[in-house]
Amino acid sequence: MSNTKKIAIMSTLVLLLAVTAVFNFVLAGTPADAATDAAAQDDYFTSYRTERLTTRNEEFLQLDSVIAAYASDSEEYKEAVAEKQRMVEVMETELVIETMIKTIGFSDAAVAIGAESENINIFVNSGELSAENVTQIFSVIEDELGIRNGNIVIMPIYAES
């Protein structure tokens, strides 16, 4: 099978996955009653992680199609493999930081490290954040990533656990 056909098939599969995700979001996003709204707020962090995982799986599929389509000595192949490795490292770092933030005393946290930028967004399950909490979270970021200054946003998201 030619590389063009492989890319076309993989692109079609990614498109179908995206359409399925949109339908899932639309059907799940129409609450039948107020109880469903409350449950949706309670599941903010679960929903965020699910959406993040779905998006990354689509990105991995695209990278896998590039990897499959090109010879291992080509520049495209090397770039796709490097990007895939970088994504895995980011995912591992996000998981470690989320776990460390939970050990501070938050019931849940979600971390998003920017792919193309130095942005780090941190969402913690809290009604509000004290100066001590913010300092502790910044300390975690500094210890794990070695970043002292940067585009770090820490946002409290209250979702009952």
Protein backbone atom coordinates (compact mmCIF):
# COMPACT_ATOMS: atom_id res chain seq x y z
CA MET A 1 0.00 0.00 0.00
CA SER A 2 1.37 3.42 -0.89
CA ASN A 3 2.23 6.07 1.65
CA THR A 4 -0.53 8.32 0.33
CA LYS A 5 -3.14 5.61 0.91
CA LYS A 6 -1.81 4.96 4.42
CA ILE A 7 -2.00 8.64 5.28
CA ALA A 8 -5.50 8.90 3.81
CA ILE A 9 -6.69 5.89 5.83
CA MET A 10 -5.12 7.17 9.06
CA SER A 11 -6.54 10.66 8.48
CA THR A 12 -9.99 9.15 7.93
CA LEU A 13 -9.68 7.15 11.16
CA VAL A 14 -8.63 10.27 13.08
CA LEU A 15 -11.56 12.19 11.57
CA LEU A 16 -13.97 9.42 12.59
CA LEU A 17 -12.53 9.45 16.10
CA ALA A 18 -13.00 13.22 16.27
CA VAL A 19 -16.59 12.97 15.02
CA THR A 20 -17.29 10.29 17.63
CA ALA A 21 -15.81 12.50 20.35
CA VAL A 22 -17.97 15.44 19.23
CA PHE A 23 -21.12 13.29 19.24
CA ASN A 24 -20.22 11.96 22.65
CA PHE A 25 -19.70 15.50 23.95
CA VAL A 26 -22.95 16.76 22.40
CA LEU A 27 -25.03 13.88 23.70
CA ALA A 28 -23.45 13.95 27.15
CA GLY A 29 -23.50 17.76 27.22
CA THR A 30 -27.31 18.02 27.13
CA PRO A 31 -28.32 17.47 30.76
CA ALA A 32 -31.79 16.09 31.36
CA ASP A 33 -32.20 17.86 34.68
CA ALA A 34 -30.44 19.94 37.33
CA ALA A 35 -29.06 16.81 39.01
CA THR A 36 -27.07 16.12 35.86
CA ASP A 37 -25.64 19.66 36.00
CA ALA A 38 -24.46 19.07 39.57
CA ALA A 39 -22.89 15.77 38.59
CA ALA A 40 -21.12 17.46 35.69
CA GLN A 41 -19.58 20.02 38.04
CA ASP A 42 -18.55 17.25 40.43
CA ASP A 43 -16.80 15.50 37.55
CA TYR A 44 -14.87 18.54 36.29
CA PHE A 45 -11.47 16.98 36.80
CA THR A 46 -12.52 13.62 35.38
CA SER A 47 -13.99 15.33 32.32
CA TYR A 48 -10.89 17.45 31.87
CA ARG A 49 -8.63 14.40 31.99
CA THR A 50 -10.86 12.47 29.59
CA GLU A 51 -10.87 15.34 27.08
CA ARG A 52 -7.10 15.75 27.41
CA LEU A 53 -6.56 12.03 26.86
CA THR A 54 -8.86 11.98 23.83
CA THR A 55 -7.03 14.91 22.26
CA ARG A 56 -3.65 13.34 22.89
CA ASN A 57 -4.77 9.99 21.50
CA GLU A 58 -5.75 11.78 18.29
CA GLU A 59 -2.33 13.45 18.18
CA PHE A 60 -0.64 10.08 18.74
CA LEU A 61 -2.66 8.59 15.87
CA GLN A 62 -1.51 11.36 13.57
CA LEU A 63 2.10 10.91 14.62
CA ASP A 64 1.82 7.14 14.21
CA SER A 65 0.51 7.63 10.67
CA VAL A 66 3.53 9.81 9.85
CA ILE A 67 5.87 7.26 11.44
CA ALA A 68 4.27 4.45 9.43
CA ALA A 69 4.33 6.43 6.19
CA TYR A 70 7.99 7.44 6.12
CA ALA A 71 11.27 5.56 6.15
CA SER A 72 13.10 5.51 9.47
CA ASP A 73 15.94 7.61 8.10
CA SER A 74 13.70 10.43 6.84
CA GLU A 75 13.44 13.81 8.57
CA GLU A 76 9.63 13.50 8.91
CA TYR A 77 9.99 10.16 10.70
CA LYS A 78 12.61 11.54 13.10
CA GLU A 79 10.49 14.63 13.86
CA ALA A 80 7.37 12.52 14.51
CA VAL A 81 9.25 10.17 16.84
CA ALA A 82 10.80 13.11 18.71
CA GLU A 83 7.39 14.81 19.07
CA LYS A 84 5.83 11.59 20.34
CA GLN A 85 8.60 11.22 22.92
CA ARG A 86 8.18 14.85 24.00
CA MET A 87 4.43 14.31 24.44
CA VAL A 88 5.05 11.24 26.63
CA GLU A 89 7.48 13.23 28.77
CA VAL A 90 4.93 16.05 29.17
CA MET A 91 2.24 13.55 30.16
CA GLU A 92 4.51 11.99 32.78
CA THR A 93 5.45 15.41 34.17
CA GLU A 94 1.80 16.48 34.38
CA LEU A 95 0.94 13.30 36.28
CA VAL A 96 3.81 13.77 38.73
CA ILE A 97 2.89 17.41 39.38
CA GLU A 98 -0.80 16.52 39.84
CA THR A 99 0.17 13.86 42.38
CA MET A 100 2.51 16.21 44.23
CA ILE A 101 -0.20 18.88 44.43
CA LYS A 102 -2.59 16.31 45.89
CA THR A 103 -0.03 15.51 48.58
CA ILE A 104 -0.13 19.17 49.63
CA GLY A 105 -3.73 18.57 50.67
CA PHE A 106 -5.92 19.27 47.65
CA SER A 107 -8.46 16.57 46.82
CA ASP A 108 -7.78 16.89 43.09
CA ALA A 109 -5.69 18.81 40.59
CA ALA A 110 -5.18 18.98 36.83
CA VAL A 111 -2.06 20.28 35.13
CA ALA A 112 -1.66 21.33 31.51
CA ILE A 113 1.80 22.02 30.17
CA GLY A 114 1.80 23.96 26.90
CA ALA A 115 3.05 22.15 23.82
CA GLU A 116 4.26 25.16 21.87
CA SER A 117 4.78 27.59 24.73
CA GLU A 118 6.12 27.81 28.24
CA ASN A 119 2.60 28.02 29.68
CA ILE A 120 1.68 25.88 32.67
CA ASN A 121 -1.95 25.89 33.79
CA ILE A 122 -2.83 24.34 37.12
CA PHE A 123 -6.40 23.75 38.26
CA VAL A 124 -6.92 22.73 41.88
CA ASN A 125 -10.07 21.59 43.62
CA SER A 126 -10.54 24.48 46.01
CA GLY A 127 -12.97 27.30 46.57
CA GLU A 128 -10.09 29.72 47.01
CA LEU A 129 -6.33 29.67 47.35
CA SER A 130 -4.30 31.10 50.19
CA ALA A 131 -0.90 32.68 49.66
CA GLU A 132 0.60 29.61 51.37
CA ASN A 133 -1.16 27.27 48.91
CA VAL A 134 0.10 29.24 45.93
CA THR A 135 3.64 29.24 47.33
CA GLN A 136 3.48 25.46 47.86
CA ILE A 137 2.28 24.89 44.28
CA PHE A 138 4.99 27.18 42.87
CA SER A 139 7.52 25.21 44.92
CA VAL A 140 6.30 21.97 43.34
CA ILE A 141 6.68 23.49 39.86
CA GLU A 142 10.15 24.77 40.67
CA ASP A 143 11.26 21.42 42.11
CA GLU A 144 9.86 19.34 39.25
CA LEU A 145 10.56 21.57 36.24
CA GLY A 146 13.25 23.92 37.49
CA ILE A 147 11.11 26.89 36.50
CA ARG A 148 11.18 29.92 38.79
CA ASN A 149 9.49 32.43 36.53
CA GLY A 150 7.18 31.85 33.68
CA ASN A 151 3.64 31.78 32.47
CA ILE A 152 2.21 29.79 35.36
CA VAL A 153 -1.49 30.13 36.07
CA ILE A 154 -3.02 28.56 39.17
CA MET A 155 -6.81 28.53 39.27
CA PRO A 156 -9.14 27.22 41.96
CA ILE A 157 -12.01 25.17 40.58
CA TYR A 158 -14.51 24.13 43.18
CA ALA A 159 -15.90 20.70 42.44
CA GLU A 160 -17.24 18.70 45.35
CA SER A 161 -15.50 15.40 45.83
